[in-house]
Amino acid sequence: YLQMNILKPEDTAIYYCAHITYCSDYQWP
């Protein structure tokens, strides 16, 4: 899930999900 609050006009987009190699809290994106 992706809970999106306090949405702004700049959040307008097509949103996709995908399997990623890994999720790290010290590397982005």
PDB file of all heavy atoms in Angstrom:
ATOM      1  N   TYR A   1       0.823  -1.200   0.000  1.00  0.00           N
ATOM      2  CA  TYR A   1       0.000   0.000   0.000  1.00  0.00           C
ATOM      3  C   TYR A   1       0.865   1.261   0.000  1.00  0.00           C
ATOM      4  O   TYR A   1       2.002   1.256   0.479  1.00  0.00           O
ATOM      5  CB  TYR A   1      -0.897   0.035   1.230  1.00  0.00           C
ATOM      6  CG  TYR A   1      -1.773  -1.170   1.393  1.00  0.00           C
ATOM      7  CD1 TYR A   1      -1.412  -2.205   2.255  1.00  0.00           C
ATOM      8  CD2 TYR A   1      -2.974  -1.282   0.692  1.00  0.00           C
ATOM      9  CE1 TYR A   1      -2.218  -3.319   2.411  1.00  0.00           C
ATOM     10  CE2 TYR A   1      -3.784  -2.397   0.842  1.00  0.00           C
ATOM     11  CZ  TYR A   1      -3.403  -3.405   1.699  1.00  0.00           C
ATOM     12  OH  TYR A   1      -4.201  -4.508   1.847  1.00  0.00           O
ATOM     13  N   LEU A   2       0.288   2.320  -0.526  1.00  0.00           N
ATOM     14  CA  LEU A   2       0.892   3.640  -0.412  1.00  0.00           C
ATOM     15  C   LEU A   2      -0.198   4.597   0.054  1.00  0.00           C
ATOM     16  O   LEU A   2      -1.103   4.945  -0.717  1.00  0.00           O
ATOM     17  CB  LEU A   2       1.481   4.115  -1.739  1.00  0.00           C
ATOM     18  CG  LEU A   2       2.237   5.446  -1.661  1.00  0.00           C
ATOM     19  CD1 LEU A   2       3.515   5.276  -0.831  1.00  0.00           C
ATOM     20  CD2 LEU A   2       2.594   5.965  -3.054  1.00  0.00           C
ATOM     21  N   GLN A   3      -0.135   4.968   1.324  1.00  0.00           N
ATOM     22  CA  GLN A   3      -1.073   5.938   1.882  1.00  0.00           C
ATOM     23  C   GLN A   3      -0.533   7.330   1.605  1.00  0.00           C
ATOM     24  O   GLN A   3       0.580   7.653   2.027  1.00  0.00           O
ATOM     25  CB  GLN A   3      -1.243   5.721   3.380  1.00  0.00           C
ATOM     26  CG  GLN A   3      -2.161   6.736   4.052  1.00  0.00           C
ATOM     27  CD  GLN A   3      -3.605   6.602   3.612  1.00  0.00           C
ATOM     28  OE1 GLN A   3      -4.126   5.503   3.503  1.00  0.00           O
ATOM     29  NE2 GLN A   3      -4.250   7.732   3.336  1.00  0.00           N
ATOM     30  N   MET A   4      -1.299   8.115   0.897  1.00  0.00           N
ATOM     31  CA  MET A   4      -0.859   9.448   0.505  1.00  0.00           C
ATOM     32  C   MET A   4      -1.755  10.490   1.168  1.00  0.00           C
ATOM     33  O   MET A   4      -2.961  10.526   0.908  1.00  0.00           O
ATOM     34  CB  MET A   4      -0.917   9.587  -1.017  1.00  0.00           C
ATOM     35  CG  MET A   4      -0.150   8.510  -1.773  1.00  0.00           C
ATOM     36  SD  MET A   4      -0.060   8.801  -3.540  1.00  0.00           S
ATOM     37  CE  MET A   4      -1.788   8.709  -3.972  1.00  0.00           C
ATOM     38  N   ASN A   5      -1.178  11.295   2.030  1.00  0.00           N
ATOM     39  CA  ASN A   5      -1.904  12.347   2.738  1.00  0.00           C
ATOM     40  C   ASN A   5      -1.374  13.717   2.336  1.00  0.00           C
ATOM     41  O   ASN A   5      -0.283  13.837   1.790  1.00  0.00           O
ATOM     42  CB  ASN A   5      -1.760  12.160   4.247  1.00  0.00           C
ATOM     43  CG  ASN A   5      -2.348  10.861   4.745  1.00  0.00           C
ATOM     44  OD1 ASN A   5      -3.323  10.348   4.185  1.00  0.00           O
ATOM     45  ND2 ASN A   5      -1.754  10.308   5.785  1.00  0.00           N
ATOM     46  N   ILE A   6      -2.149  14.729   2.646  1.00  0.00           N
ATOM     47  CA  ILE A   6      -1.777  16.128   2.351  1.00  0.00           C
ATOM     48  C   ILE A   6      -1.309  16.230   0.900  1.00  0.00           C
ATOM     49  O   ILE A   6      -0.227  16.757   0.600  1.00  0.00           O
ATOM     50  CB  ILE A   6      -0.698  16.647   3.317  1.00  0.00           C
ATOM     51  CG1 ILE A   6      -0.972  16.208   4.751  1.00  0.00           C
ATOM     52  CG2 ILE A   6      -0.656  18.176   3.261  1.00  0.00           C
ATOM     53  CD1 ILE A   6       0.101  16.585   5.743  1.00  0.00           C
ATOM     54  N   LEU A   7      -2.113  15.722   0.010  1.00  0.00           N
ATOM     55  CA  LEU A   7      -1.727  15.696  -1.402  1.00  0.00           C
ATOM     56  C   LEU A   7      -1.634  17.094  -1.974  1.00  0.00           C
ATOM     57  O   LEU A   7      -2.396  18.003  -1.604  1.00  0.00           O
ATOM     58  CB  LEU A   7      -2.717  14.850  -2.199  1.00  0.00           C
ATOM     59  CG  LEU A   7      -2.492  13.333  -2.059  1.00  0.00           C
ATOM     60  CD1 LEU A   7      -3.731  12.559  -2.467  1.00  0.00           C
ATOM     61  CD2 LEU A   7      -1.294  12.900  -2.877  1.00  0.00           C
ATOM     62  N   LYS A   8      -0.676  17.252  -2.885  1.00  0.00           N
ATOM     63  CA  LYS A   8      -0.416  18.526  -3.529  1.00  0.00           C
ATOM     64  C   LYS A   8      -0.606  18.373  -5.043  1.00  0.00           C
ATOM     65  O   LYS A   8      -0.462  17.274  -5.570  1.00  0.00           O
ATOM     66  CB  LYS A   8       1.015  18.974  -3.240  1.00  0.00           C
ATOM     67  CG  LYS A   8       1.371  19.073  -1.776  1.00  0.00           C
ATOM     68  CD  LYS A   8       2.831  19.425  -1.593  1.00  0.00           C
ATOM     69  CE  LYS A   8       3.215  19.516  -0.127  1.00  0.00           C
ATOM     70  NZ  LYS A   8       4.656  19.863   0.045  1.00  0.00           N
ATOM     71  N   PRO A   9      -0.863  19.456  -5.734  1.00  0.00           N
ATOM     72  CA  PRO A   9      -0.988  19.358  -7.206  1.00  0.00           C
ATOM     73  C   PRO A   9       0.230  18.720  -7.863  1.00  0.00           C
ATOM     74  O   PRO A   9       0.092  18.003  -8.865  1.00  0.00           O
ATOM     75  CB  PRO A   9      -1.172  20.813  -7.624  1.00  0.00           C
ATOM     76  CG  PRO A   9      -1.832  21.467  -6.449  1.00  0.00           C
ATOM     77  CD  PRO A   9      -1.211  20.797  -5.252  1.00  0.00           C
ATOM     78  N   GLU A  10       1.403  18.941  -7.296  1.00  0.00           N
ATOM     79  CA  GLU A  10       2.619  18.363  -7.891  1.00  0.00           C
ATOM     80  C   GLU A  10       2.725  16.862  -7.685  1.00  0.00           C
ATOM     81  O   GLU A  10       3.633  16.224  -8.219  1.00  0.00           O
ATOM     82  CB  GLU A  10       3.868  19.059  -7.351  1.00  0.00           C
ATOM     83  CG  GLU A  10       3.951  19.159  -5.842  1.00  0.00           C
ATOM     84  CD  GLU A  10       3.453  20.507  -5.327  1.00  0.00           C
ATOM     85  OE1 GLU A  10       2.409  20.994  -5.827  1.00  0.00           O
ATOM     86  OE2 GLU A  10       4.099  21.043  -4.397  1.00  0.00           O
ATOM     87  N   ASP A  11       1.823  16.286  -6.921  1.00  0.00           N
ATOM     88  CA  ASP A  11       1.771  14.823  -6.792  1.00  0.00           C
ATOM     89  C   ASP A  11       1.006  14.179  -7.945  1.00  0.00           C
ATOM     90  O   ASP A  11       0.976  12.947  -8.065  1.00  0.00           O
ATOM     91  CB  ASP A  11       1.097  14.419  -5.476  1.00  0.00           C
ATOM     92  CG  ASP A  11       1.894  14.841  -4.258  1.00  0.00           C
ATOM     93  OD1 ASP A  11       3.130  14.687  -4.272  1.00  0.00           O
ATOM     94  OD2 ASP A  11       1.264  15.327  -3.283  1.00  0.00           O
ATOM     95  N   THR A  12       0.399  14.991  -8.779  1.00  0.00           N
ATOM     96  CA  THR A  12      -0.335  14.467  -9.926  1.00  0.00           C
ATOM     97  C   THR A  12       0.609  13.700 -10.851  1.00  0.00           C
ATOM     98  O   THR A  12       1.636  14.228 -11.284  1.00  0.00           O
ATOM     99  CB  THR A  12      -1.005  15.621 -10.699  1.00  0.00           C
ATOM    100  OG1 THR A  12      -1.994  16.227  -9.870  1.00  0.00           O
ATOM    101  CG2 THR A  12      -1.662  15.104 -11.970  1.00  0.00           C
ATOM    102  N   ALA A  13       0.254  12.453 -11.132  1.00  0.00           N
ATOM    103  CA  ALA A  13       1.102  11.585 -11.952  1.00  0.00           C
ATOM    104  C   ALA A  13       0.414  10.245 -12.108  1.00  0.00           C
ATOM    105  O   ALA A  13      -0.608   9.968 -11.473  1.00  0.00           O
ATOM    106  CB  ALA A  13       2.470  11.389 -11.295  1.00  0.00           C
ATOM    107  N   ILE A  14       1.002   9.415 -12.947  1.00  0.00           N
ATOM    108  CA  ILE A  14       0.630   8.003 -12.980  1.00  0.00           C
ATOM    109  C   ILE A  14       1.572   7.283 -12.029  1.00  0.00           C
ATOM    110  O   ILE A  14       2.792   7.435 -12.122  1.00  0.00           O
ATOM    111  CB  ILE A  14       0.722   7.418 -14.394  1.00  0.00           C
ATOM    112  CG1 ILE A  14      -0.231   8.154 -15.339  1.00  0.00           C
ATOM    113  CG2 ILE A  14       0.378   5.924 -14.372  1.00  0.00           C
ATOM    114  CD1 ILE A  14      -0.126   7.716 -16.780  1.00  0.00           C
ATOM    115  N   TYR A  15       1.000   6.519 -11.131  1.00  0.00           N
ATOM    116  CA  TYR A  15       1.776   5.818 -10.112  1.00  0.00           C
ATOM    117  C   TYR A  15       1.897   4.340 -10.482  1.00  0.00           C
ATOM    118  O   TYR A  15       0.899   3.692 -10.849  1.00  0.00           O
ATOM    119  CB  TYR A  15       1.118   5.980  -8.743  1.00  0.00           C
ATOM    120  CG  TYR A  15       1.364   7.344  -8.138  1.00  0.00           C
ATOM    121  CD1 TYR A  15       0.754   8.482  -8.671  1.00  0.00           C
ATOM    122  CD2 TYR A  15       2.215   7.495  -7.047  1.00  0.00           C
ATOM    123  CE1 TYR A  15       0.992   9.737  -8.135  1.00  0.00           C
ATOM    124  CE2 TYR A  15       2.455   8.747  -6.495  1.00  0.00           C
ATOM    125  CZ  TYR A  15       1.850   9.864  -7.046  1.00  0.00           C
ATOM    126  OH  TYR A  15       2.090  11.106  -6.519  1.00  0.00           O
ATOM    127  N   TYR A  16       3.101   3.830 -10.357  1.00  0.00           N
ATOM    128  CA  TYR A  16       3.408   2.444 -10.672  1.00  0.00           C
ATOM    129  C   TYR A  16       4.089   1.780  -9.473  1.00  0.00           C
ATOM    130  O   TYR A  16       4.799   2.435  -8.713  1.00  0.00           O
ATOM    131  CB  TYR A  16       4.385   2.362 -11.841  1.00  0.00           C
ATOM    132  CG  TYR A  16       3.949   3.036 -13.113  1.00  0.00           C
ATOM    133  CD1 TYR A  16       4.201   4.390 -13.335  1.00  0.00           C
ATOM    134  CD2 TYR A  16       3.312   2.314 -14.120  1.00  0.00           C
ATOM    135  CE1 TYR A  16       3.822   5.017 -14.515  1.00  0.00           C
ATOM    136  CE2 TYR A  16       2.932   2.924 -15.305  1.00  0.00           C
ATOM    137  CZ  TYR A  16       3.187   4.267 -15.491  1.00  0.00           C
ATOM    138  OH  TYR A  16       2.811   4.868 -16.668  1.00  0.00           O
ATOM    139  N   CYS A  17       3.894   0.492  -9.348  1.00  0.00           N
ATOM    140  CA  CYS A  17       4.689  -0.271  -8.396  1.00  0.00           C
ATOM    141  C   CYS A  17       5.505  -1.297  -9.177  1.00  0.00           C
ATOM    142  O   CYS A  17       5.137  -1.689 -10.292  1.00  0.00           O
ATOM    143  CB  CYS A  17       3.814  -0.949  -7.344  1.00  0.00           C
ATOM    144  SG  CYS A  17       2.623  -2.156  -7.968  1.00  0.00           S
ATOM    145  N   ALA A  18       6.601  -1.691  -8.589  1.00  0.00           N
ATOM    146  CA  ALA A  18       7.478  -2.649  -9.255  1.00  0.00           C
ATOM    147  C   ALA A  18       8.341  -3.356  -8.227  1.00  0.00           C
ATOM    148  O   ALA A  18       8.636  -2.807  -7.154  1.00  0.00           O
ATOM    149  CB  ALA A  18       8.361  -1.940 -10.287  1.00  0.00           C
ATOM    150  N   HIS A  19       8.756  -4.555  -8.575  1.00  0.00           N
ATOM    151  CA  HIS A  19       9.737  -5.280  -7.766  1.00  0.00           C
ATOM    152  C   HIS A  19      11.080  -4.574  -7.957  1.00  0.00           C
ATOM    153  O   HIS A  19      11.482  -4.277  -9.087  1.00  0.00           O
ATOM    154  CB  HIS A  19       9.794  -6.725  -8.234  1.00  0.00           C
ATOM    155  CG  HIS A  19      10.916  -7.513  -7.624  1.00  0.00           C
ATOM    156  ND1 HIS A  19      11.305  -7.404  -6.301  1.00  0.00           N
ATOM    157  CD2 HIS A  19      11.742  -8.441  -8.169  1.00  0.00           C
ATOM    158  CE1 HIS A  19      12.310  -8.215  -6.077  1.00  0.00           C
ATOM    159  NE2 HIS A  19      12.593  -8.860  -7.187  1.00  0.00           N
ATOM    160  N   ILE A  20      11.743  -4.285  -6.866  1.00  0.00           N
ATOM    161  CA  ILE A  20      13.022  -3.592  -6.913  1.00  0.00           C
ATOM    162  C   ILE A  20      14.126  -4.495  -6.387  1.00  0.00           C
ATOM    163  O   ILE A  20      13.862  -5.513  -5.753  1.00  0.00           O
ATOM    164  CB  ILE A  20      12.970  -2.284  -6.098  1.00  0.00           C
ATOM    165  CG1 ILE A  20      12.547  -2.557  -4.645  1.00  0.00           C
ATOM    166  CG2 ILE A  20      12.026  -1.280  -6.759  1.00  0.00           C
ATOM    167  CD1 ILE A  20      12.572  -1.353  -3.736  1.00  0.00           C
ATOM    168  N   THR A  21      15.357  -4.125  -6.655  1.00  0.00           N
ATOM    169  CA  THR A  21      16.474  -4.968  -6.218  1.00  0.00           C
ATOM    170  C   THR A  21      16.539  -5.040  -4.695  1.00  0.00           C
ATOM    171  O   THR A  21      16.695  -6.112  -4.120  1.00  0.00           O
ATOM    172  CB  THR A  21      17.796  -4.431  -6.776  1.00  0.00           C
ATOM    173  OG1 THR A  21      17.915  -3.040  -6.433  1.00  0.00           O
ATOM    174  CG2 THR A  21      17.835  -4.575  -8.300  1.00  0.00           C
ATOM    175  N   TYR A  22      16.413  -3.902  -4.032  1.00  0.00           N
ATOM    176  CA  TYR A  22      16.326  -3.877  -2.576  1.00  0.00           C
ATOM    177  C   TYR A  22      15.896  -2.490  -2.138  1.00  0.00           C
ATOM    178  O   TYR A  22      15.992  -1.532  -2.911  1.00  0.00           O
ATOM    179  CB  TYR A  22      17.662  -4.244  -1.921  1.00  0.00           C
ATOM    180  CG  TYR A  22      18.818  -3.340  -2.269  1.00  0.00           C
ATOM    181  CD1 TYR A  22      19.113  -2.210  -1.507  1.00  0.00           C
ATOM    182  CD2 TYR A  22      19.627  -3.615  -3.369  1.00  0.00           C
ATOM    183  CE1 TYR A  22      20.166  -1.376  -1.833  1.00  0.00           C
ATOM    184  CE2 TYR A  22      20.685  -2.788  -3.698  1.00  0.00           C
ATOM    185  CZ  TYR A  22      20.954  -1.677  -2.938  1.00  0.00           C
ATOM    186  OH  TYR A  22      22.008  -0.856  -3.270  1.00  0.00           O
ATOM    187  N   CYS A  23      15.416  -2.378  -0.928  1.00  0.00           N
ATOM    188  CA  CYS A  23      15.058  -1.092  -0.332  1.00  0.00           C
ATOM    189  C   CYS A  23      16.034  -0.819   0.800  1.00  0.00           C
ATOM    190  O   CYS A  23      16.132  -1.608   1.749  1.00  0.00           O
ATOM    191  CB  CYS A  23      13.625  -1.110   0.190  1.00  0.00           C
ATOM    192  SG  CYS A  23      13.101   0.478   0.887  1.00  0.00           S
ATOM    193  N   SER A  24      16.720   0.298   0.698  1.00  0.00           N
ATOM    194  CA  SER A  24      17.716   0.665   1.705  1.00  0.00           C
ATOM    195  C   SER A  24      17.381   2.029   2.277  1.00  0.00           C
ATOM    196  O   SER A  24      16.860   2.896   1.572  1.00  0.00           O
ATOM    197  CB  SER A  24      19.096   0.710   1.040  1.00  0.00           C
ATOM    198  OG  SER A  24      20.037   1.344   1.880  1.00  0.00           O
ATOM    199  N   ASP A  25      17.700   2.213   3.536  1.00  0.00           N
ATOM    200  CA  ASP A  25      17.456   3.533   4.129  1.00  0.00           C
ATOM    201  C   ASP A  25      18.670   4.450   3.966  1.00  0.00           C
ATOM    202  O   ASP A  25      18.684   5.560   4.498  1.00  0.00           O
ATOM    203  CB  ASP A  25      17.047   3.429   5.594  1.00  0.00           C
ATOM    204  CG  ASP A  25      18.017   2.624   6.422  1.00  0.00           C
ATOM    205  OD1 ASP A  25      19.122   2.326   5.918  1.00  0.00           O
ATOM    206  OD2 ASP A  25      17.682   2.294   7.574  1.00  0.00           O
ATOM    207  N   TYR A  26      19.684   4.003   3.222  1.00  0.00           N
ATOM    208  CA  TYR A  26      20.830   4.878   2.986  1.00  0.00           C
ATOM    209  C   TYR A  26      21.132   5.045   1.508  1.00  0.00           C
ATOM    210  O   TYR A  26      22.136   5.646   1.140  1.00  0.00           O
ATOM    211  CB  TYR A  26      22.073   4.355   3.715  1.00  0.00           C
ATOM    212  CG  TYR A  26      22.483   2.959   3.337  1.00  0.00           C
ATOM    213  CD1 TYR A  26      23.255   2.707   2.217  1.00  0.00           C
ATOM    214  CD2 TYR A  26      22.090   1.873   4.111  1.00  0.00           C
ATOM    215  CE1 TYR A  26      23.630   1.417   1.866  1.00  0.00           C
ATOM    216  CE2 TYR A  26      22.453   0.585   3.770  1.00  0.00           C
ATOM    217  CZ  TYR A  26      23.224   0.361   2.645  1.00  0.00           C
ATOM    218  OH  TYR A  26      23.582  -0.917   2.302  1.00  0.00           O
ATOM    219  N   GLN A  27      20.269   4.520   0.650  1.00  0.00           N
ATOM    220  CA  GLN A  27      20.456   4.687  -0.790  1.00  0.00           C
ATOM    221  C   GLN A  27      19.115   5.015  -1.436  1.00  0.00           C
ATOM    222  O   GLN A  27      18.104   4.389  -1.151  1.00  0.00           O
ATOM    223  CB  GLN A  27      21.026   3.419  -1.416  1.00  0.00           C
ATOM    224  CG  GLN A  27      21.247   3.543  -2.933  1.00  0.00           C
ATOM    225  CD  GLN A  27      21.914   2.329  -3.519  1.00  0.00           C
ATOM    226  OE1 GLN A  27      22.755   1.714  -2.873  1.00  0.00           O
ATOM    227  NE2 GLN A  27      21.545   1.963  -4.726  1.00  0.00           N
ATOM    228  N   TRP A  28      19.175   5.981  -2.305  1.00  0.00           N
ATOM    229  CA  TRP A  28      17.971   6.416  -3.020  1.00  0.00           C
ATOM    230  C   TRP A  28      18.402   6.886  -4.410  1.00  0.00           C
ATOM    231  O   TRP A  28      19.435   7.548  -4.535  1.00  0.00           O
ATOM    232  CB  TRP A  28      17.272   7.554  -2.266  1.00  0.00           C
ATOM    233  CG  TRP A  28      15.958   7.886  -2.879  1.00  0.00           C
ATOM    234  CD1 TRP A  28      15.678   8.914  -3.742  1.00  0.00           C
ATOM    235  CD2 TRP A  28      14.736   7.157  -2.702  1.00  0.00           C
ATOM    236  NE1 TRP A  28      14.365   8.862  -4.104  1.00  0.00           N
ATOM    237  CE2 TRP A  28      13.768   7.800  -3.485  1.00  0.00           C
ATOM    238  CE3 TRP A  28      14.396   6.030  -1.967  1.00  0.00           C
ATOM    239  CZ2 TRP A  28      12.455   7.346  -3.542  1.00  0.00           C
ATOM    240  CZ3 TRP A  28      13.095   5.592  -2.031  1.00  0.00           C
ATOM    241  CH2 TRP A  28      12.135   6.240  -2.805  1.00  0.00           C
ATOM    242  N   PRO A  29      17.636   6.665  -5.446  1.00  0.00           N
ATOM    243  CA  PRO A  29      16.360   5.972  -5.492  1.00  0.00           C
ATOM    244  C   PRO A  29      16.549   4.463  -5.631  1.00  0.00           C
ATOM    245  O   PRO A  29      17.647   4.003  -5.916  1.00  0.00           O
ATOM    246  CB  PRO A  29      15.711   6.560  -6.751  1.00  0.00           C
ATOM    247  CG  PRO A  29      16.871   6.848  -7.655  1.00  0.00           C
ATOM    248  CD  PRO A  29      17.985   7.275  -6.756  1.00  0.00           C
TER     249      PRO A  29
END
